[in-house]
Amino acid sequence: MVTLLLDSTQLEIVLTGAERAFAFHKGNVVVERSTIAKVQLTEDAWTWLRGVPSPGTHIRGVLAMGTWKSAGANDFAIVRRHRPSVVIDLDGHPEYERIVLTTRHGLDLVTALRLDVDSDEAPADVVDLATGTIPVQD
C-alpha cells in the first residue's frame, strides 16, 4: 500500500518496490500542493479510470497500476480490488491530470491538506498529520 507524505509544498506518493514494478515507474510520484485542484473519496476507484495503461499493469477487477493514457490526459493509478480510494485532480502538473489511489487513508489525506504544515518540518505521513501527532503551524 502506498504511503502518503505531505509537507508545506508537496505531496509525495511513496511506492513499494512491487508497486514500482507493476506501474513501470522508477521513483515516487511527487505532486506540488499548488497543483492539487480537488480531492474526492470513492468506494470504487475502477469507475474513475479512463483510457488504457501505457505503461502499466491491468488485471480487470484486481489490479491497475501505472500511467493511464486517454484522449489528451495522463493519469497515474495504483488501484487494488474494490477498496476505498482517493481521486486527486491536478491542474498544472507536468505529468498527470489525475491520480487514483486505493488507500484507507483518504480521509486523513483530505484532513491533512487542509492544515498549514510548518515549512521547516520534514515530510510527514498524512495519518500522523491528520491525527495531530505531528505539530502544525497555527
N, C-alpha and C. Protein backbone atom coordinates (compact mmCIF):
# COMPACT_ATOMS: atom_id res chain seq x y z
N MET A 1 0.84 -1.17 0.00
CA MET A 1 0.00 0.00 0.00
C MET A 1 0.90 1.24 0.00
N VAL A 2 0.49 2.24 -0.76
CA VAL A 2 1.28 3.46 -0.86
C VAL A 2 1.28 4.21 0.47
N THR A 3 2.36 4.94 0.69
CA THR A 3 2.47 5.83 1.84
C THR A 3 2.36 7.24 1.30
N LEU A 4 1.58 8.08 1.95
CA LEU A 4 1.38 9.45 1.51
C LEU A 4 2.10 10.39 2.47
N LEU A 5 3.12 11.10 1.97
CA LEU A 5 3.88 12.05 2.77
C LEU A 5 3.55 13.45 2.31
N LEU A 6 3.39 14.36 3.27
CA LEU A 6 2.99 15.71 2.94
C LEU A 6 3.85 16.70 3.71
N ASP A 7 4.27 17.76 3.02
CA ASP A 7 4.90 18.88 3.70
C ASP A 7 4.25 20.16 3.19
N SER A 8 4.83 21.30 3.46
CA SER A 8 4.18 22.56 3.11
C SER A 8 4.12 22.80 1.61
N THR A 9 4.93 22.10 0.83
CA THR A 9 4.98 22.37 -0.61
C THR A 9 4.53 21.22 -1.49
N GLN A 10 4.59 19.99 -0.99
CA GLN A 10 4.31 18.87 -1.89
C GLN A 10 3.73 17.65 -1.18
N LEU A 11 3.05 16.84 -1.98
CA LEU A 11 2.56 15.53 -1.58
C LEU A 11 3.43 14.51 -2.30
N GLU A 12 3.97 13.58 -1.54
CA GLU A 12 4.79 12.52 -2.14
C GLU A 12 4.09 11.19 -1.94
N ILE A 13 3.88 10.49 -3.04
CA ILE A 13 3.26 9.17 -3.00
C ILE A 13 4.41 8.17 -3.08
N VAL A 14 4.70 7.54 -1.95
CA VAL A 14 5.82 6.62 -1.84
C VAL A 14 5.36 5.23 -2.27
N LEU A 15 5.99 4.71 -3.31
CA LEU A 15 5.63 3.41 -3.86
C LEU A 15 6.55 2.32 -3.34
N THR A 16 5.98 1.15 -3.09
CA THR A 16 6.80 -0.01 -2.72
C THR A 16 7.52 -0.51 -3.97
N GLY A 17 8.46 -1.42 -3.79
CA GLY A 17 9.17 -2.00 -4.92
C GLY A 17 8.24 -2.71 -5.88
N ALA A 18 7.27 -3.45 -5.35
CA ALA A 18 6.30 -4.15 -6.21
C ALA A 18 5.43 -3.16 -6.97
N GLU A 19 5.00 -2.09 -6.31
CA GLU A 19 4.18 -1.08 -6.99
C GLU A 19 4.96 -0.41 -8.10
N ARG A 20 6.22 -0.14 -7.87
CA ARG A 20 7.06 0.45 -8.93
C ARG A 20 7.19 -0.50 -10.11
N ALA A 21 7.35 -1.77 -9.82
CA ALA A 21 7.49 -2.75 -10.90
C ALA A 21 6.20 -2.87 -11.71
N PHE A 22 5.06 -3.02 -11.04
CA PHE A 22 3.78 -3.14 -11.74
C PHE A 22 3.40 -1.87 -12.49
N ALA A 23 3.80 -0.71 -11.94
CA ALA A 23 3.46 0.57 -12.55
C ALA A 23 4.47 0.99 -13.62
N PHE A 24 5.58 0.27 -13.70
CA PHE A 24 6.66 0.65 -14.61
C PHE A 24 7.09 2.10 -14.33
N HIS A 25 7.24 2.41 -13.05
CA HIS A 25 7.57 3.76 -12.61
C HIS A 25 8.83 3.68 -11.76
N LYS A 26 9.85 4.46 -12.07
CA LYS A 26 11.14 4.34 -11.40
C LYS A 26 11.18 4.87 -9.98
N GLY A 27 10.44 5.91 -9.70
CA GLY A 27 10.51 6.51 -8.36
C GLY A 27 9.14 6.79 -7.80
N ASN A 28 9.14 7.60 -6.76
CA ASN A 28 7.89 8.03 -6.15
C ASN A 28 7.22 9.08 -7.02
N VAL A 29 5.95 9.31 -6.80
CA VAL A 29 5.22 10.35 -7.52
C VAL A 29 5.15 11.57 -6.61
N VAL A 30 5.64 12.70 -7.12
CA VAL A 30 5.67 13.94 -6.35
C VAL A 30 4.70 14.93 -6.99
N VAL A 31 3.84 15.51 -6.14
CA VAL A 31 2.84 16.45 -6.61
C VAL A 31 2.97 17.73 -5.78
N GLU A 32 3.18 18.84 -6.44
CA GLU A 32 3.20 20.12 -5.75
C GLU A 32 1.80 20.41 -5.21
N ARG A 33 1.72 20.87 -3.98
CA ARG A 33 0.40 21.15 -3.38
C ARG A 33 -0.39 22.16 -4.21
N SER A 34 0.32 23.09 -4.84
CA SER A 34 -0.37 24.13 -5.63
C SER A 34 -1.07 23.56 -6.86
N THR A 35 -0.71 22.35 -7.29
CA THR A 35 -1.34 21.75 -8.48
C THR A 35 -2.56 20.89 -8.11
N ILE A 36 -2.81 20.67 -6.82
CA ILE A 36 -3.95 19.87 -6.41
C ILE A 36 -5.22 20.72 -6.51
N ALA A 37 -6.09 20.35 -7.45
CA ALA A 37 -7.32 21.11 -7.68
C ALA A 37 -8.48 20.58 -6.83
N LYS A 38 -8.55 19.24 -6.70
CA LYS A 38 -9.68 18.64 -5.98
C LYS A 38 -9.28 17.25 -5.50
N VAL A 39 -9.80 16.87 -4.34
CA VAL A 39 -9.58 15.53 -3.79
C VAL A 39 -10.95 14.95 -3.47
N GLN A 40 -11.21 13.75 -3.99
CA GLN A 40 -12.50 13.09 -3.77
C GLN A 40 -12.28 11.69 -3.22
N LEU A 41 -13.14 11.29 -2.31
CA LEU A 41 -13.11 9.93 -1.78
C LEU A 41 -14.11 9.10 -2.58
N THR A 42 -13.78 7.84 -2.82
CA THR A 42 -14.68 6.96 -3.55
C THR A 42 -14.56 5.54 -3.00
N GLU A 43 -15.62 4.80 -3.11
CA GLU A 43 -15.62 3.40 -2.67
C GLU A 43 -15.09 2.47 -3.76
N ASP A 44 -15.10 2.94 -5.01
CA ASP A 44 -14.67 2.09 -6.12
C ASP A 44 -13.88 2.89 -7.14
N ALA A 45 -12.57 2.78 -7.10
CA ALA A 45 -11.69 3.54 -7.98
C ALA A 45 -11.82 3.13 -9.44
N TRP A 46 -12.32 1.95 -9.71
CA TRP A 46 -12.40 1.46 -11.09
C TRP A 46 -13.26 2.37 -11.95
N THR A 47 -14.26 3.02 -11.37
CA THR A 47 -15.12 3.90 -12.15
C THR A 47 -14.41 5.19 -12.55
N TRP A 48 -13.27 5.48 -11.93
CA TRP A 48 -12.53 6.70 -12.21
C TRP A 48 -11.41 6.50 -13.22
N LEU A 49 -11.09 5.27 -13.55
CA LEU A 49 -10.02 5.02 -14.52
C LEU A 49 -10.51 5.37 -15.91
N ARG A 50 -9.67 6.03 -16.68
CA ARG A 50 -10.01 6.37 -18.05
C ARG A 50 -8.81 6.08 -18.95
N GLY A 51 -9.08 5.59 -20.14
CA GLY A 51 -8.00 5.28 -21.07
C GLY A 51 -7.47 3.88 -20.91
N VAL A 52 -6.21 3.72 -21.30
CA VAL A 52 -5.56 2.42 -21.27
C VAL A 52 -4.20 2.55 -20.57
N PRO A 53 -3.74 1.47 -19.93
CA PRO A 53 -2.44 1.53 -19.27
C PRO A 53 -1.32 1.61 -20.30
N SER A 54 -0.44 2.60 -20.13
CA SER A 54 0.65 2.77 -21.09
C SER A 54 1.75 3.63 -20.50
N PRO A 55 2.76 3.14 -19.86
CA PRO A 55 2.95 1.76 -19.44
C PRO A 55 2.24 1.49 -18.11
N GLY A 56 1.92 0.25 -17.89
CA GLY A 56 1.27 -0.13 -16.66
C GLY A 56 0.80 -1.56 -16.70
N THR A 57 0.20 -1.99 -15.60
CA THR A 57 -0.31 -3.34 -15.47
C THR A 57 -1.79 -3.27 -15.16
N HIS A 58 -2.57 -4.10 -15.86
CA HIS A 58 -4.01 -4.12 -15.65
C HIS A 58 -4.51 -5.55 -15.63
N ILE A 59 -5.09 -5.95 -14.51
CA ILE A 59 -5.78 -7.23 -14.38
C ILE A 59 -7.19 -6.86 -13.93
N ARG A 60 -8.14 -6.94 -14.83
CA ARG A 60 -9.51 -6.43 -14.62
C ARG A 60 -10.08 -6.82 -13.25
N GLY A 61 -10.48 -5.81 -12.49
CA GLY A 61 -11.11 -6.01 -11.19
C GLY A 61 -10.16 -6.37 -10.07
N VAL A 62 -8.88 -6.56 -10.40
CA VAL A 62 -7.90 -6.98 -9.39
C VAL A 62 -6.82 -5.93 -9.17
N LEU A 63 -6.24 -5.43 -10.28
CA LEU A 63 -5.07 -4.57 -10.17
C LEU A 63 -4.99 -3.63 -11.36
N ALA A 64 -4.72 -2.37 -11.08
CA ALA A 64 -4.45 -1.38 -12.12
C ALA A 64 -3.35 -0.47 -11.58
N MET A 65 -2.18 -0.53 -12.19
CA MET A 65 -1.05 0.28 -11.72
C MET A 65 -0.29 0.84 -12.91
N GLY A 66 0.02 2.12 -12.81
CA GLY A 66 0.82 2.75 -13.85
C GLY A 66 0.18 3.99 -14.41
N THR A 67 0.68 4.40 -15.57
CA THR A 67 0.15 5.57 -16.27
C THR A 67 -0.98 5.13 -17.18
N TRP A 68 -2.09 5.82 -17.10
CA TRP A 68 -3.26 5.54 -17.94
C TRP A 68 -3.42 6.70 -18.90
N LYS A 69 -3.35 6.39 -20.19
CA LYS A 69 -3.46 7.42 -21.22
C LYS A 69 -4.84 7.40 -21.85
N SER A 70 -5.41 8.59 -21.96
CA SER A 70 -6.68 8.76 -22.65
C SER A 70 -6.53 9.95 -23.58
N ALA A 71 -7.57 10.30 -24.29
CA ALA A 71 -7.51 11.41 -25.24
C ALA A 71 -7.14 12.70 -24.50
N GLY A 72 -5.91 13.11 -24.64
CA GLY A 72 -5.47 14.37 -24.07
C GLY A 72 -5.16 14.36 -22.59
N ALA A 73 -5.13 13.20 -21.93
CA ALA A 73 -4.87 13.18 -20.48
C ALA A 73 -4.02 11.98 -20.09
N ASN A 74 -3.19 12.18 -19.11
CA ASN A 74 -2.43 11.10 -18.49
C ASN A 74 -2.80 11.06 -17.01
N ASP A 75 -3.16 9.88 -16.54
CA ASP A 75 -3.49 9.69 -15.13
C ASP A 75 -2.52 8.67 -14.55
N PHE A 76 -2.30 8.73 -13.24
CA PHE A 76 -1.49 7.73 -12.56
C PHE A 76 -2.40 6.97 -11.62
N ALA A 77 -2.30 5.64 -11.65
CA ALA A 77 -3.20 4.81 -10.84
C ALA A 77 -2.44 3.75 -10.07
N ILE A 78 -2.84 3.57 -8.82
CA ILE A 78 -2.45 2.42 -8.00
C ILE A 78 -3.77 1.94 -7.39
N VAL A 79 -4.40 0.98 -8.06
CA VAL A 79 -5.72 0.51 -7.65
C VAL A 79 -5.67 -0.99 -7.39
N ARG A 80 -6.20 -1.39 -6.24
CA ARG A 80 -6.29 -2.81 -5.88
C ARG A 80 -7.73 -3.16 -5.56
N ARG A 81 -8.23 -4.15 -6.22
CA ARG A 81 -9.59 -4.67 -5.99
C ARG A 81 -10.61 -3.54 -5.88
N HIS A 82 -11.68 -3.75 -5.14
CA HIS A 82 -12.72 -2.74 -4.97
C HIS A 82 -12.68 -2.25 -3.54
N ARG A 83 -11.69 -1.41 -3.26
CA ARG A 83 -11.47 -0.89 -1.91
C ARG A 83 -11.60 0.63 -1.91
N PRO A 84 -11.78 1.22 -0.73
CA PRO A 84 -11.86 2.68 -0.65
C PRO A 84 -10.64 3.33 -1.29
N SER A 85 -10.89 4.44 -1.98
CA SER A 85 -9.84 5.09 -2.75
C SER A 85 -9.97 6.59 -2.68
N VAL A 86 -8.96 7.26 -3.21
CA VAL A 86 -8.95 8.71 -3.31
C VAL A 86 -8.61 9.07 -4.76
N VAL A 87 -9.30 10.09 -5.25
CA VAL A 87 -9.06 10.61 -6.60
C VAL A 87 -8.57 12.04 -6.44
N ILE A 88 -7.37 12.32 -6.95
CA ILE A 88 -6.77 13.64 -6.83
C ILE A 88 -6.71 14.26 -8.23
N ASP A 89 -7.51 15.30 -8.45
CA ASP A 89 -7.48 16.03 -9.72
C ASP A 89 -6.40 17.09 -9.64
N LEU A 90 -5.60 17.17 -10.70
CA LEU A 90 -4.47 18.10 -10.73
C LEU A 90 -4.66 19.15 -11.80
N ASP A 91 -4.12 20.33 -11.56
CA ASP A 91 -4.17 21.41 -12.53
C ASP A 91 -2.77 22.01 -12.62
N GLY A 92 -2.12 21.80 -13.76
CA GLY A 92 -0.78 22.35 -13.95
C GLY A 92 0.35 21.41 -13.62
N HIS A 93 0.06 20.16 -13.30
CA HIS A 93 1.12 19.18 -13.05
C HIS A 93 1.77 18.82 -14.39
N PRO A 94 3.08 18.72 -14.45
CA PRO A 94 3.74 18.47 -15.74
C PRO A 94 3.50 17.09 -16.33
N GLU A 95 3.10 16.12 -15.52
CA GLU A 95 2.96 14.75 -16.00
C GLU A 95 1.53 14.22 -16.01
N TYR A 96 0.78 14.51 -14.97
CA TYR A 96 -0.53 13.88 -14.79
C TYR A 96 -1.66 14.89 -14.59
N GLU A 97 -2.86 14.49 -15.00
CA GLU A 97 -4.05 15.29 -14.76
C GLU A 97 -4.87 14.74 -13.58
N ARG A 98 -4.65 13.46 -13.27
CA ARG A 98 -5.40 12.83 -12.19
C ARG A 98 -4.56 11.70 -11.59
N ILE A 99 -4.72 11.52 -10.28
CA ILE A 99 -4.09 10.39 -9.60
C ILE A 99 -5.20 9.64 -8.88
N VAL A 100 -5.25 8.32 -9.09
CA VAL A 100 -6.27 7.47 -8.49
C VAL A 100 -5.53 6.44 -7.63
N LEU A 101 -5.80 6.44 -6.32
CA LEU A 101 -5.08 5.57 -5.39
C LEU A 101 -6.04 4.80 -4.49
N THR A 102 -5.81 3.52 -4.35
CA THR A 102 -6.50 2.74 -3.34
C THR A 102 -5.75 2.95 -2.03
N THR A 103 -6.45 3.50 -1.05
CA THR A 103 -5.85 3.74 0.25
C THR A 103 -6.94 3.85 1.30
N ARG A 104 -6.66 3.37 2.48
CA ARG A 104 -7.62 3.53 3.57
C ARG A 104 -7.41 4.86 4.29
N HIS A 105 -6.45 5.65 3.80
CA HIS A 105 -6.12 6.92 4.44
C HIS A 105 -6.59 8.13 3.63
N GLY A 106 -7.61 7.96 2.81
CA GLY A 106 -8.13 9.06 2.01
C GLY A 106 -8.65 10.21 2.85
N LEU A 107 -9.41 9.90 3.90
CA LEU A 107 -9.94 10.95 4.77
C LEU A 107 -8.81 11.68 5.49
N ASP A 108 -7.77 10.94 5.88
CA ASP A 108 -6.61 11.57 6.52
C ASP A 108 -5.91 12.51 5.54
N LEU A 109 -5.84 12.13 4.27
CA LEU A 109 -5.23 13.00 3.26
C LEU A 109 -6.03 14.29 3.12
N VAL A 110 -7.33 14.18 3.02
CA VAL A 110 -8.18 15.38 2.90
C VAL A 110 -7.99 16.29 4.11
N THR A 111 -7.98 15.70 5.30
CA THR A 111 -7.79 16.48 6.52
C THR A 111 -6.42 17.14 6.55
N ALA A 112 -5.38 16.40 6.21
CA ALA A 112 -4.01 16.93 6.24
C ALA A 112 -3.81 18.05 5.22
N LEU A 113 -4.45 17.95 4.07
CA LEU A 113 -4.32 19.00 3.06
C LEU A 113 -4.93 20.32 3.52
N ARG A 114 -5.86 20.26 4.44
CA ARG A 114 -6.49 21.48 4.96
C ARG A 114 -5.64 22.16 6.02
N LEU A 115 -4.64 21.48 6.54
CA LEU A 115 -3.78 22.03 7.59
C LEU A 115 -2.65 22.84 6.98
N ASP A 116 -2.19 23.85 7.71
CA ASP A 116 -0.98 24.57 7.33
C ASP A 116 0.19 23.86 7.99
N VAL A 117 0.95 23.14 7.18
CA VAL A 117 2.09 22.38 7.70
C VAL A 117 3.29 23.31 7.81
N ASP A 118 4.02 23.22 8.90
CA ASP A 118 5.20 24.04 9.13
C ASP A 118 6.22 23.77 8.03
N SER A 119 6.72 24.83 7.41
CA SER A 119 7.65 24.67 6.29
C SER A 119 9.01 24.13 6.71
N ASP A 120 9.33 24.19 8.00
CA ASP A 120 10.63 23.69 8.47
C ASP A 120 10.59 22.19 8.76
N GLU A 121 9.41 21.62 8.83
CA GLU A 121 9.28 20.21 9.15
C GLU A 121 9.57 19.33 7.93
N ALA A 122 10.08 18.15 8.19
CA ALA A 122 10.28 17.16 7.13
C ALA A 122 8.92 16.63 6.71
N PRO A 123 8.80 16.07 5.51
CA PRO A 123 7.52 15.49 5.10
C PRO A 123 7.05 14.46 6.13
N ALA A 124 5.75 14.49 6.41
CA ALA A 124 5.18 13.59 7.41
C ALA A 124 4.05 12.78 6.78
N ASP A 125 3.83 11.61 7.33
CA ASP A 125 2.74 10.75 6.86
C ASP A 125 1.42 11.47 7.12
N VAL A 126 0.50 11.42 6.15
CA VAL A 126 -0.77 12.13 6.30
C VAL A 126 -1.57 11.63 7.49
N VAL A 127 -1.41 10.38 7.87
CA VAL A 127 -2.13 9.84 9.03
C VAL A 127 -1.67 10.56 10.29
N ASP A 128 -0.35 10.77 10.42
CA ASP A 128 0.18 11.48 11.59
C ASP A 128 -0.28 12.93 11.61
N LEU A 129 -0.31 13.57 10.45
CA LEU A 129 -0.76 14.96 10.38
C LEU A 129 -2.24 15.08 10.76
N ALA A 130 -3.04 14.19 10.22
CA ALA A 130 -4.50 14.26 10.44
C ALA A 130 -4.87 13.97 11.89
N THR A 131 -4.10 13.11 12.54
CA THR A 131 -4.42 12.76 13.93
C THR A 131 -3.76 13.68 14.94
N GLY A 132 -2.93 14.61 14.45
CA GLY A 132 -2.33 15.59 15.34
C GLY A 132 -1.09 15.15 16.06
N THR A 133 -0.45 14.07 15.63
CA THR A 133 0.77 13.63 16.30
C THR A 133 1.99 14.39 15.82
N ILE A 134 1.85 15.14 14.71
CA ILE A 134 2.93 15.98 14.20
C ILE A 134 2.49 17.42 14.40
N PRO A 135 3.36 18.28 14.96
CA PRO A 135 2.96 19.67 15.17
C PRO A 135 2.74 20.39 13.84
N VAL A 136 1.71 21.24 13.79
CA VAL A 136 1.43 22.03 12.61
C VAL A 136 1.42 23.50 12.99
N GLN A 137 1.60 24.34 11.99
CA GLN A 137 1.62 25.78 12.21
C GLN A 137 0.20 26.30 12.41
N ASP A 138 -0.03 27.11 13.42
CA ASP A 138 -1.37 27.69 13.68
C ASP A 138 -1.52 29.02 13.02
